[in-house]
C-alpha atoms as a PDB file:
ATOM      1  CA  UNK A   1       8.930  14.455 -31.654  1.00  0.00           C
ATOM      2  CA  UNK A   2      11.531  11.733 -31.178  1.00  0.00           C
ATOM      3  CA  UNK A   3      15.073  11.814 -31.906  1.00  0.00           C
ATOM      4  CA  UNK A   4      17.603   9.070 -32.376  1.00  0.00           C
ATOM      5  CA  UNK A   5      21.338   8.648 -32.756  1.00  0.00           C
ATOM      6  CA  UNK A   6      23.035   5.154 -32.711  1.00  0.00           C
ATOM      7  CA  UNK A   7      26.089   5.660 -30.385  1.00  0.00           C
ATOM      8  CA  UNK A   8      28.544   3.982 -28.221  1.00  0.00           C
ATOM      9  CA  UNK A   9      28.190   4.689 -24.604  1.00  0.00           C
ATOM     10  CA  UNK A  10      31.163   5.096 -22.216  1.00  0.00           C
ATOM     11  CA  UNK A  11      29.405   5.945 -18.835  1.00  0.00           C
ATOM     12  CA  UNK A  12      30.653   6.257 -15.369  1.00  0.00           C
ATOM     13  CA  UNK A  13      28.356   5.447 -12.531  1.00  0.00           C
ATOM     14  CA  UNK A  14      27.787   8.774 -10.944  1.00  0.00           C
ATOM     15  CA  UNK A  15      25.893  12.168 -11.528  1.00  0.00           C
ATOM     16  CA  UNK A  16      27.137  14.602 -13.810  1.00  0.00           C
ATOM     17  CA  UNK A  17      26.054  18.381 -13.885  1.00  0.00           C
ATOM     18  CA  UNK A  18      26.875  19.644 -17.251  1.00  0.00           C
ATOM     19  CA  UNK A  19      26.767  22.852 -19.279  1.00  0.00           C
ATOM     20  CA  UNK A  20      27.430  21.827 -22.685  1.00  0.00           C
ATOM     21  CA  UNK A  21      24.994  21.193 -25.605  1.00  0.00           C
ATOM     22  CA  UNK A  22      23.872  17.919 -27.154  1.00  0.00           C
ATOM     23  CA  UNK A  23      22.248  17.294 -30.585  1.00  0.00           C
ATOM     24  CA  UNK A  24      20.847  14.108 -32.223  1.00  0.00           C
ATOM     25  CA  UNK A  25      19.791  13.249 -35.762  1.00  0.00           C
ATOM     26  CA  UNK A  26      15.985  13.660 -36.044  1.00  0.00           C
ATOM     27  CA  UNK A  27      13.944  10.626 -36.695  1.00  0.00           C
ATOM     28  CA  UNK A  28      10.116   9.910 -36.370  1.00  0.00           C
ATOM     29  CA  UNK A  29       9.021   7.258 -33.800  1.00  0.00           C
ATOM     30  CA  UNK A  30       7.757   5.217 -36.681  1.00  0.00           C
ATOM     31  CA  UNK A  31      11.002   5.173 -38.563  1.00  0.00           C
ATOM     32  CA  UNK A  32      12.865   4.314 -35.369  1.00  0.00           C
ATOM     33  CA  UNK A  33      10.799   1.345 -34.545  1.00  0.00           C
ATOM     34  CA  UNK A  34      10.505   0.291 -38.014  1.00  0.00           C
ATOM     35  CA  UNK A  35      14.294   0.342 -38.412  1.00  0.00           C
ATOM     36  CA  UNK A  36      14.910  -1.562 -35.193  1.00  0.00           C
ATOM     37  CA  UNK A  37      12.137  -4.016 -35.920  1.00  0.00           C
ATOM     38  CA  UNK A  38      13.355  -4.690 -39.327  1.00  0.00           C
ATOM     39  CA  UNK A  39      16.928  -5.093 -38.535  1.00  0.00           C
ATOM     40  CA  UNK A  40      17.002  -6.179 -34.651  1.00  0.00           C
ATOM     41  CA  UNK A  41      20.425  -5.897 -33.086  1.00  0.00           C
ATOM     42  CA  UNK A  42      20.931  -6.727 -29.357  1.00  0.00           C
ATOM     43  CA  UNK A  43      23.543  -4.513 -27.994  1.00  0.00           C
ATOM     44  CA  UNK A  44      22.813  -1.506 -30.188  1.00  0.00           C
ATOM     45  CA  UNK A  45      22.695   1.676 -28.253  1.00  0.00           C
ATOM     46  CA  UNK A  46      20.148   4.435 -28.851  1.00  0.00           C
ATOM     47  CA  UNK A  47      19.459   7.940 -27.751  1.00  0.00           C
ATOM     48  CA  UNK A  48      15.774   9.148 -27.950  1.00  0.00           C
ATOM     49  CA  UNK A  49      14.122  12.419 -26.782  1.00  0.00           C
ATOM     50  CA  UNK A  50      11.188  11.651 -24.735  1.00  0.00           C
ATOM     51  CA  UNK A  51       7.606  12.639 -25.597  1.00  0.00           C
ATOM     52  CA  UNK A  52       6.709  14.836 -22.485  1.00  0.00           C
ATOM     53  CA  UNK A  53       3.417  16.534 -21.610  1.00  0.00           C
ATOM     54  CA  UNK A  54       3.862  20.091 -20.408  1.00  0.00           C
ATOM     55  CA  UNK A  55       3.488  19.334 -16.638  1.00  0.00           C
ATOM     56  CA  UNK A  56       5.561  16.173 -16.615  1.00  0.00           C
ATOM     57  CA  UNK A  57       8.566  18.067 -15.315  1.00  0.00           C
ATOM     58  CA  UNK A  58       8.052  19.602 -11.920  1.00  0.00           C
ATOM     59  CA  UNK A  59       9.860  21.354  -9.052  1.00  0.00           C
ATOM     60  CA  UNK A  60       9.947  19.185  -6.085  1.00  0.00           C
ATOM     61  CA  UNK A  61      10.197  20.550  -2.539  1.00  0.00           C
ATOM     62  CA  UNK A  62      12.684  18.719  -0.567  1.00  0.00           C
ATOM     63  CA  UNK A  63      13.198  18.247   3.347  1.00  0.00           C
ATOM     64  CA  UNK A  64      14.928  21.140   5.201  1.00  0.00           C
ATOM     65  CA  UNK A  65      17.904  18.870   5.908  1.00  0.00           C
ATOM     66  CA  UNK A  66      18.646  18.296   2.098  1.00  0.00           C
ATOM     67  CA  UNK A  67      21.340  20.870   0.920  1.00  0.00           C
ATOM     68  CA  UNK A  68      19.269  22.177  -2.089  1.00  0.00           C
ATOM     69  CA  UNK A  69      15.857  23.006  -1.423  1.00  0.00           C
ATOM     70  CA  UNK A  70      14.437  22.129  -4.790  1.00  0.00           C
ATOM     71  CA  UNK A  71      14.930  19.574  -7.601  1.00  0.00           C
ATOM     72  CA  UNK A  72      13.510  19.237 -11.311  1.00  0.00           C
ATOM     73  CA  UNK A  73      11.886  15.927 -11.160  1.00  0.00           C
ATOM     74  CA  UNK A  74      10.340  13.523 -13.691  1.00  0.00           C
ATOM     75  CA  UNK A  75       8.047  11.001 -11.905  1.00  0.00           C
ATOM     76  CA  UNK A  76       8.092   7.395 -12.739  1.00  0.00           C
ATOM     77  CA  UNK A  77       5.525   6.330 -10.084  1.00  0.00           C
ATOM     78  CA  UNK A  78       2.804   5.198 -12.740  1.00  0.00           C
ATOM     79  CA  UNK A  79       5.223   4.098 -15.489  1.00  0.00           C
ATOM     80  CA  UNK A  80       4.636   0.440 -15.204  1.00  0.00           C
ATOM     81  CA  UNK A  81       4.622  -1.890 -18.048  1.00  0.00           C
ATOM     82  CA  UNK A  82       1.454  -4.079 -17.723  1.00  0.00           C
ATOM     83  CA  UNK A  83       1.855  -6.583 -20.678  1.00  0.00           C
ATOM     84  CA  UNK A  84       2.100 -10.297 -20.545  1.00  0.00           C
ATOM     85  CA  UNK A  85       5.706 -10.494 -21.694  1.00  0.00           C
ATOM     86  CA  UNK A  86       6.920  -8.177 -18.981  1.00  0.00           C
ATOM     87  CA  UNK A  87       5.734 -10.579 -16.259  1.00  0.00           C
ATOM     88  CA  UNK A  88       8.508 -12.678 -14.650  1.00  0.00           C
ATOM     89  CA  UNK A  89       8.212 -16.312 -14.265  1.00  0.00           C
ATOM     90  CA  UNK A  90       6.549 -16.870 -10.882  1.00  0.00           C
ATOM     91  CA  UNK A  91       8.891 -19.762 -10.023  1.00  0.00           C
ATOM     92  CA  UNK A  92      11.955 -17.551 -10.577  1.00  0.00           C
ATOM     93  CA  UNK A  93      11.757 -16.071  -7.060  1.00  0.00           C
ATOM     94  CA  UNK A  94       9.523 -16.060  -4.197  1.00  0.00           C
ATOM     95  CA  UNK A  95       8.238 -12.578  -4.568  1.00  0.00           C
ATOM     96  CA  UNK A  96       8.463 -11.713  -8.198  1.00  0.00           C
ATOM     97  CA  UNK A  97       8.242  -8.004  -9.323  1.00  0.00           C
ATOM     98  CA  UNK A  98       5.117  -8.071 -11.677  1.00  0.00           C
ATOM     99  CA  UNK A  99       5.929  -4.496 -12.652  1.00  0.00           C
ATOM    100  CA  UNK A 100       9.785  -4.976 -13.295  1.00  0.00           C
ATOM    101  CA  UNK A 101       9.768  -3.192 -16.549  1.00  0.00           C
ATOM    102  CA  UNK A 102       9.262   0.490 -16.549  1.00  0.00           C
ATOM    103  CA  UNK A 103       8.550   2.550 -19.734  1.00  0.00           C
ATOM    104  CA  UNK A 104       9.585   6.099 -20.943  1.00  0.00           C
ATOM    105  CA  UNK A 105       7.165   7.761 -23.736  1.00  0.00           C
ATOM    106  CA  UNK A 106       8.521   8.104 -27.081  1.00  0.00           C
ATOM    107  CA  UNK A 107       5.401   9.586 -28.786  1.00  0.00           C
ATOM    108  CA  UNK A 108       2.281   8.573 -30.440  1.00  0.00           C
ATOM    109  CA  UNK A 109       0.695   8.566 -34.056  1.00  0.00           C
ATOM    110  CA  UNK A 110      -2.985   8.543 -34.996  1.00  0.00           C
ATOM    111  CA  UNK A 111      -3.965   7.086 -38.308  1.00  0.00           C
ATOM    112  CA  UNK A 112      -7.467   7.511 -39.717  1.00  0.00           C
ATOM    113  CA  UNK A 113      -8.632   4.524 -41.978  1.00  0.00           C
ATOM    114  CA  UNK A 114     -11.739   5.503 -43.383  1.00  0.00           C
ATOM    115  CA  UNK A 115     -15.495   4.893 -42.322  1.00  0.00           C
ATOM    116  CA  UNK A 116     -18.376   2.619 -42.994  1.00  0.00           C
ATOM    117  CA  UNK A 117     -22.157   2.736 -42.343  1.00  0.00           C
ATOM    118  CA  UNK A 118     -23.735   0.386 -39.575  1.00  0.00           C
ATOM    119  CA  UNK A 119     -26.964   0.026 -37.763  1.00  0.00           C
ATOM    120  CA  UNK A 120     -25.721  -0.202 -34.291  1.00  0.00           C
ATOM    121  CA  UNK A 121     -29.249   1.214 -33.052  1.00  0.00           C
ATOM    122  CA  UNK A 122     -32.142  -0.532 -34.682  1.00  0.00           C
ATOM    123  CA  UNK A 123     -33.525   1.538 -37.520  1.00  0.00           C
ATOM    124  CA  UNK A 124     -30.773   4.110 -37.394  1.00  0.00           C
ATOM    125  CA  UNK A 125     -27.758   4.058 -39.911  1.00  0.00           C
ATOM    126  CA  UNK A 126     -24.613   5.635 -38.357  1.00  0.00           C
ATOM    127  CA  UNK A 127     -21.330   6.388 -39.824  1.00  0.00           C
ATOM    128  CA  UNK A 128     -18.523   4.801 -37.896  1.00  0.00           C
ATOM    129  CA  UNK A 129     -14.987   5.893 -38.224  1.00  0.00           C
ATOM    130  CA  UNK A 130     -12.022   3.526 -37.998  1.00  0.00           C
ATOM    131  CA  UNK A 131      -9.074   4.913 -36.116  1.00  0.00           C
ATOM    132  CA  UNK A 132      -5.584   3.314 -35.260  1.00  0.00           C
ATOM    133  CA  UNK A 133      -3.349   4.699 -32.786  1.00  0.00           C
ATOM    134  CA  UNK A 134       0.447   3.797 -32.366  1.00  0.00           C
ATOM    135  CA  UNK A 135       1.989   4.533 -28.966  1.00  0.00           C
ATOM    136  CA  UNK A 136       5.822   4.029 -28.741  1.00  0.00           C
ATOM    137  CA  UNK A 137       7.900   3.417 -25.466  1.00  0.00           C
ATOM    138  CA  UNK A 138      11.209   2.516 -24.164  1.00  0.00           C
ATOM    139  CA  UNK A 139      10.921  -0.257 -21.923  1.00  0.00           C
ATOM    140  CA  UNK A 140      13.615  -1.213 -19.381  1.00  0.00           C
ATOM    141  CA  UNK A 141      13.939  -3.309 -16.380  1.00  0.00           C
ATOM    142  CA  UNK A 142      16.734  -1.473 -14.502  1.00  0.00           C
ATOM    143  CA  UNK A 143      15.096   1.571 -12.774  1.00  0.00           C
ATOM    144  CA  UNK A 144      16.456   0.308  -9.542  1.00  0.00           C
ATOM    145  CA  UNK A 145      20.029   1.073 -10.803  1.00  0.00           C
ATOM    146  CA  UNK A 146      19.191   4.581 -10.457  1.00  0.00           C
ATOM    147  CA  UNK A 147      19.036   6.300  -6.984  1.00  0.00           C
ATOM    148  CA  UNK A 148      15.639   7.412  -5.852  1.00  0.00           C
ATOM    149  CA  UNK A 149      15.502  11.131  -5.558  1.00  0.00           C
ATOM    150  CA  UNK A 150      15.697  12.885  -2.150  1.00  0.00           C
ATOM    151  CA  UNK A 151      11.776  13.565  -2.166  1.00  0.00           C
ATOM    152  CA  UNK A 152      11.295   9.660  -2.174  1.00  0.00           C
ATOM    153  CA  UNK A 153       9.333   9.800  -5.449  1.00  0.00           C
ATOM    154  CA  UNK A 154      10.408   7.224  -8.058  1.00  0.00           C
ATOM    155  CA  UNK A 155      11.674   8.986 -11.161  1.00  0.00           C
ATOM    156  CA  UNK A 156      14.670  11.057 -12.146  1.00  0.00           C
ATOM    157  CA  UNK A 157      15.856  14.410 -10.594  1.00  0.00           C
ATOM    158  CA  UNK A 158      18.294  16.999 -11.454  1.00  0.00           C
ATOM    159  CA  UNK A 159      19.587  20.247  -9.498  1.00  0.00           C
ATOM    160  CA  UNK A 160      17.085  23.258  -9.951  1.00  0.00           C
ATOM    161  CA  UNK A 161      17.869  25.714 -12.613  1.00  0.00           C
ATOM    162  CA  UNK A 162      16.522  28.942 -13.888  1.00  0.00           C
ATOM    163  CA  UNK A 163      14.896  26.994 -16.781  1.00  0.00           C
ATOM    164  CA  UNK A 164      11.271  26.922 -16.474  1.00  0.00           C
ATOM    165  CA  UNK A 165       9.939  23.259 -15.872  1.00  0.00           C
ATOM    166  CA  UNK A 166       7.754  23.518 -18.995  1.00  0.00           C
ATOM    167  CA  UNK A 167      11.028  24.163 -21.095  1.00  0.00           C
ATOM    168  CA  UNK A 168      13.021  21.104 -19.596  1.00  0.00           C
ATOM    169  CA  UNK A 169      13.158  17.965 -21.867  1.00  0.00           C
ATOM    170  CA  UNK A 170      14.587  14.616 -21.406  1.00  0.00           C
ATOM    171  CA  UNK A 171      16.771  12.526 -23.479  1.00  0.00           C
ATOM    172  CA  UNK A 172      17.305   8.697 -22.737  1.00  0.00           C
ATOM    173  CA  UNK A 173      20.200   6.575 -23.732  1.00  0.00           C
ATOM    174  CA  UNK A 174      19.665   2.808 -23.598  1.00  0.00           C
ATOM    175  CA  UNK A 175      21.391  -0.146 -25.117  1.00  0.00           C
ATOM    176  CA  UNK A 176      18.958  -2.631 -26.741  1.00  0.00           C
ATOM    177  CA  UNK A 177      18.357  -6.336 -25.499  1.00  0.00           C
ATOM    178  CA  UNK A 178      16.732  -9.278 -26.830  1.00  0.00           C
ATOM    179  CA  UNK A 179      13.977  -9.529 -28.184  1.00  0.00           C
ATOM    180  CA  UNK A 180      14.648  -5.692 -28.930  1.00  0.00           C
ATOM    181  CA  UNK A 181      10.945  -5.074 -29.726  1.00  0.00           C
ATOM    182  CA  UNK A 182       7.544  -5.803 -28.406  1.00  0.00           C
ATOM    183  CA  UNK A 183       4.021  -4.998 -29.600  1.00  0.00           C
ATOM    184  CA  UNK A 184       0.563  -5.418 -28.164  1.00  0.00           C
ATOM    185  CA  UNK A 185      -2.829  -4.744 -29.634  1.00  0.00           C
ATOM    186  CA  UNK A 186      -6.204  -3.829 -28.025  1.00  0.00           C
ATOM    187  CA  UNK A 187      -9.433  -3.194 -30.002  1.00  0.00           C
ATOM    188  CA  UNK A 188     -12.580  -1.261 -29.021  1.00  0.00           C
ATOM    189  CA  UNK A 189     -15.597  -1.812 -30.995  1.00  0.00           C
ATOM    190  CA  UNK A 190     -17.637   1.180 -31.965  1.00  0.00           C
ATOM    191  CA  UNK A 191     -20.995   1.896 -29.961  1.00  0.00           C
ATOM    192  CA  UNK A 192     -23.911   4.062 -30.869  1.00  0.00           C
ATOM    193  CA  UNK A 193     -22.703   6.642 -28.264  1.00  0.00           C
ATOM    194  CA  UNK A 194     -19.163   6.481 -29.422  1.00  0.00           C
ATOM    195  CA  UNK A 195     -18.997   5.549 -33.205  1.00  0.00           C
ATOM    196  CA  UNK A 196     -15.327   4.788 -33.590  1.00  0.00           C
ATOM    197  CA  UNK A 197     -13.744   1.438 -34.144  1.00  0.00           C
ATOM    198  CA  UNK A 198     -10.589   2.058 -32.335  1.00  0.00           C
ATOM    199  CA  UNK A 199      -7.259   0.145 -32.445  1.00  0.00           C
ATOM    200  CA  UNK A 200      -4.546   0.814 -30.097  1.00  0.00           C
ATOM    201  CA  UNK A 201      -1.021  -0.642 -30.786  1.00  0.00           C
ATOM    202  CA  UNK A 202       1.574  -0.274 -28.172  1.00  0.00           C
ATOM    203  CA  UNK A 203       5.169  -0.723 -29.332  1.00  0.00           C
ATOM    204  CA  UNK A 204       8.237  -1.162 -27.246  1.00  0.00           C
ATOM    205  CA  UNK A 205      11.809  -0.755 -27.657  1.00  0.00           C
ATOM    206  CA  UNK A 206      13.338  -3.240 -25.214  1.00  0.00           C
ATOM    207  CA  UNK A 207      16.765  -2.298 -23.490  1.00  0.00           C
ATOM    208  CA  UNK A 208      18.684  -1.393 -20.390  1.00  0.00           C
ATOM    209  CA  UNK A 209      18.652   2.394 -19.491  1.00  0.00           C
ATOM    210  CA  UNK A 210      22.176   3.749 -19.483  1.00  0.00           C
ATOM    211  CA  UNK A 211      21.488   7.494 -18.773  1.00  0.00           C
ATOM    212  CA  UNK A 212      18.869  10.293 -18.512  1.00  0.00           C
ATOM    213  CA  UNK A 213      19.771  13.777 -19.780  1.00  0.00           C
ATOM    214  CA  UNK A 214      17.702  16.824 -18.669  1.00  0.00           C
ATOM    215  CA  UNK A 215      18.094  19.633 -21.076  1.00  0.00           C
ATOM    216  CA  UNK A 216      16.797  23.139 -22.200  1.00  0.00           C
ATOM    217  CA  UNK A 217      14.277  22.322 -24.996  1.00  0.00           C
ATOM    218  CA  UNK A 218      14.667  26.079 -26.146  1.00  0.00           C
ATOM    219  CA  UNK A 219      18.288  25.768 -26.938  1.00  0.00           C
ATOM    220  CA  UNK A 220      19.503  22.177 -26.404  1.00  0.00           C
ATOM    221  CA  UNK A 221      21.711  23.113 -23.348  1.00  0.00           C
ATOM    222  CA  UNK A 222      22.329  20.166 -21.179  1.00  0.00           C
ATOM    223  CA  UNK A 223      21.294  20.787 -17.556  1.00  0.00           C
ATOM    224  CA  UNK A 224      22.288  17.604 -15.986  1.00  0.00           C
ATOM    225  CA  UNK A 225      23.071  13.860 -16.662  1.00  0.00           C
ATOM    226  CA  UNK A 226      21.783  11.027 -14.546  1.00  0.00           C
ATOM    227  CA  UNK A 227      23.693   7.762 -14.430  1.00  0.00           C
ATOM    228  CA  UNK A 228      23.090   4.685 -12.581  1.00  0.00           C
ATOM    229  CA  UNK A 229      23.668   4.725  -8.924  1.00  0.00           C
ATOM    230  CA  UNK A 230      23.677   8.515  -8.975  1.00  0.00           C
ATOM    231  CA  UNK A 231      22.078  10.707  -6.351  1.00  0.00           C
ATOM    232  CA  UNK A 232      21.853  14.468  -7.109  1.00  0.00           C
END
């Protein structure tokens, strides 16, 4: 589930530990993307809850010389945007960063679009399903503005708490930048062994990440806020 609130952000470049609670107006990822795509506004700031798998938040063991022994950690190691639009102009610098844009997951929707009969294997009619999936992401180029956690794993970390990692959620704050949205489409044709015509649409909100909140998904209590140049 994705949540959204349009907001003005006044942020300081340091790490904040917090005990307050935060709420946001509920909106589906479809409604969010559709609204922004219909009325793009560079500079608009949004708040969105990330769509996390149960094991996305882990407890990271740290070296003995680090004051706190563990951290709650969300890894960004494999969250690279690999789309043509995200590649920089090779002439812009000697060693361009092809995976400059990183992504945060905002949710997925699957749409069944009926079926039809086809003869993929000679002499054998088969029902083929038509399925579309929409994946939504927040894409941003400024992960380097945030300090690498003490365990050296790219991502975001907060001080450990008594909250079970499976209950920890993340909320991202970002300000949109032109062109505000991007979309890609990939199609896989059905085969006899997998009789599904599958269309995948990846839809991106484009912006600069302003902050990440770790919070307790059971009650909304904020655990910690990660700001640019911060180091927990």
